[in-house]
N, C-alpha and C. Protein backbone atom coordinates (compact mmCIF):
# COMPACT_ATOMS: atom_id res chain seq x y z
N MET A 1 78.72 160.77 131.61
CA MET A 1 78.95 162.09 131.09
C MET A 1 79.88 161.96 129.90
N SER A 2 79.54 162.57 128.79
CA SER A 2 80.38 162.42 127.63
C SER A 2 80.30 163.67 126.77
N SER A 3 81.45 164.30 126.59
CA SER A 3 81.54 165.47 125.75
C SER A 3 82.90 165.50 125.09
N ILE A 4 82.99 166.06 123.92
CA ILE A 4 84.27 166.25 123.27
C ILE A 4 84.26 167.63 122.64
N TYR A 5 85.35 168.34 122.76
CA TYR A 5 85.41 169.71 122.31
C TYR A 5 86.62 169.92 121.42
N THR A 6 86.51 170.80 120.46
CA THR A 6 87.65 171.14 119.63
C THR A 6 88.61 172.02 120.40
N SER A 7 89.89 171.89 120.08
CA SER A 7 90.89 172.68 120.80
C SER A 7 91.31 173.91 120.00
N ASN A 8 90.62 174.20 118.93
CA ASN A 8 90.98 175.35 118.11
C ASN A 8 90.35 176.62 118.67
N VAL A 9 91.01 177.22 119.63
CA VAL A 9 90.52 178.44 120.28
C VAL A 9 91.49 179.55 119.98
N GLN A 10 90.99 180.69 119.53
CA GLN A 10 91.84 181.84 119.29
C GLN A 10 91.61 182.84 120.40
N LEU A 11 92.72 183.31 121.01
CA LEU A 11 92.58 184.25 122.11
C LEU A 11 91.82 185.50 121.70
N GLY A 12 91.93 185.92 120.48
CA GLY A 12 91.24 187.11 120.01
C GLY A 12 89.73 186.97 120.01
N SER A 13 89.24 185.75 120.09
CA SER A 13 87.79 185.54 120.04
C SER A 13 87.16 185.48 121.43
N LEU A 14 87.98 185.58 122.49
CA LEU A 14 87.43 185.53 123.85
C LEU A 14 86.71 186.84 124.18
N PRO A 15 85.69 186.78 125.01
CA PRO A 15 84.99 188.00 125.40
C PRO A 15 85.89 188.86 126.28
N SER A 16 85.62 190.15 126.32
CA SER A 16 86.43 191.05 127.14
C SER A 16 86.08 190.94 128.62
N ALA A 17 84.94 190.36 128.93
CA ALA A 17 84.55 190.14 130.33
C ALA A 17 83.69 188.89 130.39
N GLY A 18 83.63 188.29 131.55
CA GLY A 18 82.79 187.11 131.73
C GLY A 18 83.62 185.88 132.00
N THR A 19 82.97 184.74 132.08
CA THR A 19 83.63 183.48 132.36
C THR A 19 84.38 183.02 131.12
N ILE A 20 85.59 182.55 131.31
CA ILE A 20 86.39 182.05 130.19
C ILE A 20 86.21 180.55 130.08
N TYR A 21 85.94 180.11 128.90
CA TYR A 21 85.90 178.69 128.60
C TYR A 21 87.03 178.41 127.63
N VAL A 22 87.90 177.48 127.97
CA VAL A 22 88.98 177.09 127.08
C VAL A 22 88.61 175.74 126.50
N MET A 23 88.56 175.67 125.19
CA MET A 23 88.21 174.44 124.50
C MET A 23 86.85 173.94 124.95
N GLY A 24 85.94 174.84 125.31
CA GLY A 24 84.60 174.46 125.71
C GLY A 24 84.50 173.93 127.13
N VAL A 25 85.59 173.97 127.89
CA VAL A 25 85.60 173.45 129.25
C VAL A 25 85.85 174.61 130.19
N GLN A 26 85.01 174.75 131.20
CA GLN A 26 85.19 175.85 132.15
C GLN A 26 86.42 175.60 133.00
N LEU A 27 87.26 176.62 133.07
CA LEU A 27 88.42 176.52 133.94
C LEU A 27 88.00 176.71 135.38
N GLY A 28 88.58 175.98 136.28
CA GLY A 28 88.30 176.13 137.70
C GLY A 28 89.60 176.33 138.45
N THR A 29 89.59 176.07 139.72
CA THR A 29 90.80 176.18 140.51
C THR A 29 91.15 174.81 141.07
N ARG A 30 92.43 174.58 141.26
CA ARG A 30 92.86 173.30 141.83
C ARG A 30 92.40 173.20 143.27
N PRO A 31 92.22 171.98 143.76
CA PRO A 31 91.85 171.81 145.16
C PRO A 31 92.86 172.48 146.08
N THR A 32 92.39 172.95 147.21
CA THR A 32 93.27 173.64 148.14
C THR A 32 94.15 172.66 148.89
N GLY A 33 93.78 171.39 148.95
CA GLY A 33 94.60 170.39 149.61
C GLY A 33 95.91 170.17 148.87
N SER A 34 96.93 169.78 149.61
CA SER A 34 98.22 169.54 149.00
C SER A 34 98.20 168.24 148.20
N GLU A 35 99.20 168.09 147.36
CA GLU A 35 99.32 166.87 146.59
C GLU A 35 99.48 165.69 147.54
N LYS A 36 98.65 164.69 147.37
CA LYS A 36 98.68 163.51 148.24
C LYS A 36 99.65 162.46 147.69
N ASP A 37 99.71 162.33 146.38
CA ASP A 37 100.56 161.33 145.76
C ASP A 37 100.74 161.69 144.29
N SER A 38 101.71 161.10 143.68
CA SER A 38 101.94 161.30 142.24
C SER A 38 102.73 160.11 141.73
N GLY A 39 102.76 159.96 140.43
CA GLY A 39 103.51 158.86 139.85
C GLY A 39 103.49 158.92 138.34
N ALA A 40 104.24 158.02 137.76
CA ALA A 40 104.32 157.91 136.30
C ALA A 40 103.37 156.82 135.83
N ILE A 41 102.79 157.02 134.67
CA ILE A 41 101.96 156.01 134.03
C ILE A 41 102.84 155.28 133.02
N THR A 42 102.92 153.98 133.13
CA THR A 42 103.63 153.19 132.12
C THR A 42 102.73 153.15 130.89
N VAL A 43 103.14 153.83 129.82
CA VAL A 43 102.25 154.03 128.67
C VAL A 43 101.96 152.74 127.90
N THR A 44 102.75 151.69 128.14
CA THR A 44 102.51 150.40 127.48
C THR A 44 101.70 149.43 128.35
N ALA A 45 101.32 149.87 129.56
CA ALA A 45 100.62 149.00 130.50
C ALA A 45 99.11 149.10 130.33
N GLU A 46 98.53 148.16 129.63
CA GLU A 46 97.08 148.15 129.43
C GLU A 46 96.33 147.99 130.74
N ALA A 47 96.94 147.29 131.71
CA ALA A 47 96.30 147.08 133.02
C ALA A 47 96.32 148.34 133.88
N GLY A 48 97.11 149.34 133.51
CA GLY A 48 97.15 150.59 134.24
C GLY A 48 97.95 150.51 135.52
N MET A 49 97.98 151.63 136.25
CA MET A 49 98.71 151.76 137.50
C MET A 49 97.68 151.95 138.62
N THR A 50 97.97 151.39 139.79
CA THR A 50 97.07 151.52 140.93
C THR A 50 97.40 152.78 141.72
N VAL A 51 96.38 153.57 142.01
CA VAL A 51 96.48 154.74 142.88
C VAL A 51 95.74 154.35 144.16
N SER A 52 96.48 154.16 145.25
CA SER A 52 95.88 153.64 146.47
C SER A 52 95.95 154.65 147.61
N GLY A 53 95.42 154.24 148.75
CA GLY A 53 95.45 155.10 149.93
C GLY A 53 94.27 156.05 150.03
N LEU A 54 93.21 155.79 149.26
CA LEU A 54 92.02 156.65 149.30
C LEU A 54 91.16 156.28 150.50
N THR A 55 90.46 157.27 151.03
CA THR A 55 89.52 157.05 152.13
C THR A 55 88.11 157.16 151.57
N VAL A 56 87.34 156.10 151.72
CA VAL A 56 85.97 156.09 151.21
C VAL A 56 85.19 157.26 151.83
N GLY A 57 84.50 158.00 150.99
CA GLY A 57 83.71 159.15 151.44
C GLY A 57 84.42 160.48 151.25
N LYS A 58 85.74 160.49 151.14
CA LYS A 58 86.47 161.73 150.90
C LYS A 58 86.45 162.06 149.41
N TYR A 59 86.61 163.34 149.11
CA TYR A 59 86.68 163.78 147.73
C TYR A 59 88.13 163.91 147.30
N TYR A 60 88.40 163.53 146.05
CA TYR A 60 89.74 163.58 145.48
C TYR A 60 89.66 164.14 144.07
N SER A 61 90.82 164.56 143.58
CA SER A 61 90.95 164.89 142.17
C SER A 61 92.26 164.30 141.69
N ILE A 62 92.26 163.88 140.43
CA ILE A 62 93.46 163.36 139.80
C ILE A 62 93.60 164.05 138.47
N GLU A 63 94.84 164.41 138.14
CA GLU A 63 95.07 165.10 136.88
C GLU A 63 96.31 164.56 136.21
N ALA A 64 96.34 164.69 134.90
CA ALA A 64 97.51 164.33 134.12
C ALA A 64 98.57 165.41 134.30
N THR A 65 99.81 164.99 134.40
CA THR A 65 100.95 165.91 134.45
C THR A 65 101.99 165.42 133.46
N GLY A 66 102.91 166.29 133.11
CA GLY A 66 103.96 165.89 132.17
C GLY A 66 103.39 165.58 130.81
N GLY A 67 104.02 164.65 130.15
CA GLY A 67 103.54 164.22 128.83
C GLY A 67 104.30 164.92 127.73
N TYR A 68 104.01 164.50 126.60
CA TYR A 68 102.92 163.77 126.03
C TYR A 68 103.32 162.31 125.76
N TRP A 69 102.31 161.46 125.50
CA TRP A 69 102.57 160.09 125.08
C TRP A 69 102.16 159.96 123.62
N THR A 70 102.66 158.93 122.96
CA THR A 70 102.34 158.71 121.55
C THR A 70 101.76 157.32 121.37
N ASN A 71 100.88 157.20 120.40
CA ASN A 71 100.34 155.88 120.04
C ASN A 71 101.06 155.39 118.79
N GLY A 72 100.69 154.26 118.31
CA GLY A 72 101.37 153.66 117.16
C GLY A 72 101.20 154.40 115.85
N THR A 73 100.29 155.35 115.80
CA THR A 73 100.07 156.10 114.55
C THR A 73 100.73 157.47 114.57
N GLY A 74 101.51 157.76 115.62
CA GLY A 74 102.25 159.01 115.68
C GLY A 74 101.51 160.19 116.27
N ASP A 75 100.34 159.97 116.81
CA ASP A 75 99.59 161.07 117.43
C ASP A 75 100.23 161.45 118.76
N SER A 76 100.13 162.73 119.12
CA SER A 76 100.56 163.23 120.42
C SER A 76 99.33 163.32 121.32
N LEU A 77 99.42 162.73 122.52
CA LEU A 77 98.26 162.67 123.40
C LEU A 77 98.63 163.00 124.84
N TYR A 78 97.67 163.60 125.54
CA TYR A 78 97.76 163.85 126.98
C TYR A 78 96.57 163.19 127.68
N THR A 79 95.96 162.23 127.03
CA THR A 79 94.72 161.62 127.52
C THR A 79 94.98 160.49 128.51
N PHE A 80 94.07 160.39 129.48
CA PHE A 80 94.12 159.28 130.42
C PHE A 80 92.72 158.72 130.62
N ALA A 81 92.67 157.53 131.19
CA ALA A 81 91.41 156.86 131.53
C ALA A 81 91.55 156.30 132.94
N VAL A 82 90.43 156.13 133.62
CA VAL A 82 90.44 155.64 135.00
C VAL A 82 89.44 154.50 135.18
N SER A 83 89.66 153.72 136.23
CA SER A 83 88.77 152.62 136.58
C SER A 83 88.65 152.57 138.10
N ASN A 84 87.44 152.33 138.61
CA ASN A 84 87.28 152.16 140.06
C ASN A 84 86.84 150.74 140.40
N ASP A 85 86.97 149.83 139.44
CA ASP A 85 86.62 148.43 139.69
C ASP A 85 87.78 147.49 139.36
N GLY A 86 88.99 147.95 139.62
CA GLY A 86 90.17 147.11 139.43
C GLY A 86 90.59 146.92 137.99
N GLY A 87 90.05 147.70 137.08
CA GLY A 87 90.41 147.61 135.67
C GLY A 87 89.45 146.79 134.83
N SER A 88 88.32 146.39 135.41
CA SER A 88 87.31 145.65 134.62
C SER A 88 86.68 146.56 133.58
N THR A 89 86.38 147.80 133.98
CA THR A 89 85.84 148.78 133.04
C THR A 89 86.66 150.06 133.15
N TRP A 90 86.81 150.75 132.02
CA TRP A 90 87.61 151.98 131.96
C TRP A 90 86.77 153.13 131.43
N SER A 91 87.07 154.31 131.91
CA SER A 91 86.40 155.52 131.40
C SER A 91 86.86 155.77 129.97
N ASP A 92 86.19 156.69 129.32
CA ASP A 92 86.66 157.18 128.03
C ASP A 92 87.79 158.19 128.29
N SER A 93 88.23 158.85 127.25
CA SER A 93 89.39 159.77 127.32
C SER A 93 89.09 161.05 128.06
N MET A 94 90.12 161.52 128.78
CA MET A 94 90.12 162.85 129.38
C MET A 94 91.46 163.49 129.05
N GLY A 95 91.44 164.65 128.39
CA GLY A 95 92.65 165.36 128.01
C GLY A 95 92.70 165.64 126.52
N TRP A 96 93.83 166.18 126.06
CA TRP A 96 93.99 166.63 124.67
C TRP A 96 94.67 165.58 123.82
N THR A 97 94.22 165.48 122.57
CA THR A 97 94.84 164.61 121.57
C THR A 97 94.99 165.37 120.26
N SER A 98 96.04 165.05 119.53
CA SER A 98 96.24 165.66 118.21
C SER A 98 95.37 164.99 117.16
N GLN A 99 94.70 163.90 117.51
CA GLN A 99 93.83 163.21 116.56
C GLN A 99 92.69 164.11 116.12
N PHE A 100 92.24 163.91 114.91
CA PHE A 100 91.08 164.63 114.36
C PHE A 100 91.29 166.14 114.36
N GLY A 101 92.51 166.58 114.19
CA GLY A 101 92.80 168.01 114.14
C GLY A 101 92.94 168.66 115.50
N GLY A 102 92.93 167.89 116.55
CA GLY A 102 93.09 168.41 117.91
C GLY A 102 91.78 168.47 118.65
N LEU A 103 91.63 167.60 119.64
CA LEU A 103 90.40 167.55 120.44
C LEU A 103 90.74 167.52 121.92
N PHE A 104 89.88 168.12 122.73
CA PHE A 104 90.00 168.01 124.18
C PHE A 104 88.78 167.23 124.67
N ALA A 105 89.04 166.07 125.26
CA ALA A 105 87.96 165.20 125.71
C ALA A 105 87.74 165.35 127.21
N THR A 106 86.49 165.35 127.62
CA THR A 106 86.12 165.40 129.03
C THR A 106 85.14 164.28 129.34
N ASP A 107 85.49 163.09 128.91
CA ASP A 107 84.60 161.94 129.04
C ASP A 107 84.83 161.21 130.36
N ASN A 108 84.53 161.89 131.46
CA ASN A 108 84.71 161.30 132.78
C ASN A 108 83.65 160.24 133.05
N PRO A 109 83.96 159.27 133.91
CA PRO A 109 83.01 158.20 134.20
C PRO A 109 81.83 158.67 135.05
N ASP A 110 80.79 157.87 135.07
CA ASP A 110 79.59 158.21 135.84
C ASP A 110 79.86 158.36 137.33
N TRP A 111 80.85 157.66 137.87
CA TRP A 111 81.14 157.72 139.30
C TRP A 111 81.92 158.97 139.71
N SER A 112 82.31 159.78 138.73
CA SER A 112 83.01 161.03 139.06
C SER A 112 82.03 162.18 139.02
N THR A 113 82.45 163.32 139.58
CA THR A 113 81.57 164.48 139.62
C THR A 113 81.93 165.55 138.61
N SER A 114 83.17 165.50 138.07
CA SER A 114 83.58 166.57 137.17
C SER A 114 84.84 166.20 136.41
N CYS A 115 85.04 166.91 135.32
CA CYS A 115 86.28 166.85 134.56
C CYS A 115 86.50 168.23 133.98
N ILE A 116 87.65 168.83 134.28
CA ILE A 116 87.93 170.17 133.78
C ILE A 116 89.31 170.20 133.12
N ALA A 117 89.54 171.22 132.33
CA ALA A 117 90.86 171.48 131.76
C ALA A 117 91.67 172.27 132.78
N VAL A 118 92.84 171.77 133.15
CA VAL A 118 93.70 172.53 134.05
C VAL A 118 94.70 173.37 133.27
N ASP A 119 94.88 173.05 132.01
CA ASP A 119 95.66 173.87 131.09
C ASP A 119 95.27 173.47 129.68
N GLU A 120 96.03 173.88 128.72
CA GLU A 120 95.69 173.65 127.32
C GLU A 120 95.60 172.17 126.96
N TYR A 121 96.35 171.32 127.66
CA TYR A 121 96.45 169.92 127.28
C TYR A 121 95.92 168.93 128.31
N ARG A 122 95.97 169.27 129.57
CA ARG A 122 95.75 168.31 130.64
C ARG A 122 94.39 168.50 131.33
N ALA A 123 93.81 167.35 131.70
CA ALA A 123 92.50 167.35 132.37
C ALA A 123 92.67 166.93 133.82
N GLN A 124 91.66 167.29 134.62
CA GLN A 124 91.57 166.90 136.03
C GLN A 124 90.16 166.37 136.27
N MET A 125 90.09 165.21 136.92
CA MET A 125 88.81 164.60 137.24
C MET A 125 88.62 164.60 138.75
N GLY A 126 87.40 164.91 139.22
CA GLY A 126 87.09 164.89 140.64
C GLY A 126 86.04 163.84 140.94
N TRP A 127 86.11 163.25 142.16
CA TRP A 127 85.14 162.22 142.53
C TRP A 127 85.15 161.98 144.04
N PRO A 128 84.02 161.49 144.56
CA PRO A 128 83.98 161.02 145.95
C PRO A 128 84.41 159.55 145.96
N ALA A 129 85.39 159.21 146.77
CA ALA A 129 85.90 157.84 146.78
C ALA A 129 84.85 156.86 147.30
N THR A 130 84.63 155.82 146.54
CA THR A 130 83.76 154.72 146.96
C THR A 130 84.59 153.44 147.13
N THR A 131 85.87 153.53 146.81
CA THR A 131 86.81 152.42 146.96
C THR A 131 88.11 153.01 147.53
N THR A 132 89.01 152.15 148.00
CA THR A 132 90.27 152.63 148.57
C THR A 132 91.36 152.80 147.52
N SER A 133 91.05 152.47 146.26
CA SER A 133 92.01 152.67 145.18
C SER A 133 91.27 152.80 143.86
N ILE A 134 91.95 153.41 142.89
CA ILE A 134 91.48 153.44 141.51
C ILE A 134 92.67 153.04 140.64
N LYS A 135 92.41 152.86 139.37
CA LYS A 135 93.49 152.61 138.42
C LYS A 135 93.48 153.73 137.39
N ILE A 136 94.68 154.04 136.87
CA ILE A 136 94.83 155.05 135.83
C ILE A 136 95.74 154.50 134.74
N ARG A 137 95.45 154.84 133.50
CA ARG A 137 96.29 154.45 132.37
C ARG A 137 96.14 155.50 131.27
N VAL A 138 96.99 155.42 130.26
CA VAL A 138 96.78 156.29 129.10
C VAL A 138 95.54 155.79 128.39
N ALA A 139 94.86 156.69 127.70
CA ALA A 139 93.58 156.34 127.06
C ALA A 139 93.82 155.84 125.64
N ASP A 140 94.18 154.57 125.56
CA ASP A 140 94.37 153.92 124.27
C ASP A 140 93.34 152.81 124.14
N SER A 141 93.19 152.30 122.94
CA SER A 141 92.24 151.21 122.70
C SER A 141 92.79 149.89 123.21
N ALA A 142 91.90 149.04 123.69
CA ALA A 142 92.30 147.71 124.16
C ALA A 142 93.10 147.00 123.08
N GLY A 143 94.23 146.41 123.47
CA GLY A 143 95.08 145.68 122.54
C GLY A 143 96.09 146.53 121.79
N ASP A 144 96.05 147.87 121.97
CA ASP A 144 96.93 148.77 121.22
C ASP A 144 98.03 149.42 122.06
N PHE A 145 98.31 148.92 123.23
CA PHE A 145 99.25 149.58 124.14
C PHE A 145 100.72 149.29 123.84
N ALA A 146 101.03 148.18 123.21
CA ALA A 146 102.42 147.74 123.04
C ALA A 146 103.27 148.73 122.25
N ASP A 147 102.69 149.46 121.31
CA ASP A 147 103.48 150.37 120.48
C ASP A 147 103.46 151.82 120.98
N ASN A 148 102.99 152.05 122.20
CA ASN A 148 102.97 153.40 122.75
C ASN A 148 104.38 153.85 123.14
N GLY A 149 104.59 155.16 123.13
CA GLY A 149 105.86 155.74 123.55
C GLY A 149 105.61 157.01 124.33
N GLY A 150 106.67 157.69 124.69
CA GLY A 150 106.55 158.95 125.43
C GLY A 150 106.25 158.71 126.89
N SER A 151 105.62 159.68 127.53
CA SER A 151 105.35 159.56 128.96
C SER A 151 104.12 160.38 129.35
N LEU A 152 103.56 160.00 130.48
CA LEU A 152 102.48 160.76 131.11
C LEU A 152 102.53 160.42 132.59
N SER A 153 102.27 161.39 133.43
CA SER A 153 102.26 161.18 134.87
C SER A 153 100.93 161.63 135.44
N TRP A 154 100.74 161.43 136.74
CA TRP A 154 99.50 161.82 137.40
C TRP A 154 99.82 162.46 138.75
N SER A 155 98.87 163.28 139.21
CA SER A 155 98.95 163.92 140.52
C SER A 155 97.59 163.79 141.19
N LEU A 156 97.60 163.30 142.43
CA LEU A 156 96.38 163.10 143.21
C LEU A 156 96.32 164.15 144.32
N ARG A 157 95.17 164.78 144.48
CA ARG A 157 94.95 165.76 145.54
C ARG A 157 93.70 165.41 146.32
N GLU A 158 93.69 165.76 147.59
CA GLU A 158 92.48 165.61 148.39
C GLU A 158 91.61 166.84 148.18
N GLY A 159 90.32 166.63 148.18
CA GLY A 159 89.38 167.74 148.07
C GLY A 159 89.03 168.07 146.64
N LEU A 160 87.97 168.84 146.51
CA LEU A 160 87.51 169.31 145.21
C LEU A 160 87.48 170.82 145.23
N GLY A 161 88.42 171.46 144.64
CA GLY A 161 88.40 172.90 144.54
C GLY A 161 87.91 173.36 143.19
N ILE A 162 87.66 172.41 142.33
CA ILE A 162 87.28 172.75 140.97
C ILE A 162 85.89 173.35 140.93
N PHE A 163 85.71 174.25 140.00
CA PHE A 163 84.45 174.97 139.78
C PHE A 163 84.09 175.92 140.92
N THR A 164 85.00 176.17 141.85
CA THR A 164 84.67 177.11 142.90
C THR A 164 84.87 178.55 142.45
N ASP A 165 85.74 178.76 141.51
CA ASP A 165 85.99 180.09 140.95
C ASP A 165 86.04 179.96 139.45
N SER A 166 85.64 181.00 138.77
CA SER A 166 85.78 181.06 137.32
C SER A 166 86.87 182.07 137.01
N VAL A 167 87.57 181.84 135.94
CA VAL A 167 88.57 182.79 135.51
C VAL A 167 87.84 183.91 134.78
N ARG A 168 88.09 185.15 135.18
CA ARG A 168 87.37 186.28 134.59
C ARG A 168 88.34 187.26 133.97
N LEU A 169 87.92 187.83 132.87
CA LEU A 169 88.67 188.90 132.24
C LEU A 169 88.04 190.23 132.64
N ASN A 170 88.84 191.16 133.07
CA ASN A 170 88.30 192.47 133.43
C ASN A 170 88.89 193.55 132.57
């Protein structure tokens, strides 16, 4: 699944009724399950951080929290990438970047079921666990992690509450 959307949305252009899409991404609701785990992403760690304790067959969601992180060119980013094969392959970006005039990426991997915007900058990805752990890192290019700065964290929840409700204007 691969999509990228511009983040230039003006509130005045939203419809007076109907489903709201922010930056081209449908807003949903967070899973009803409580936070299972959370942690900080070391923004200079190309190998990423391990998120463990998953039960195969259960549904989970992970989202970026805090932030922003910076790359070597001075861009502000809230993007993250994930791997379910120990870091051999990584997803594309999920979240907001100031690059290219401001973009919100929802490039979740094929093994996930969804990626939504939880706010203006941060994304949440949902998936059924096929492994007992995944890895998460900031979404930078291979070999470019050493000059990163700032911070980004993650929050893991059990269940998929996303897309169960749409935000409506009345």
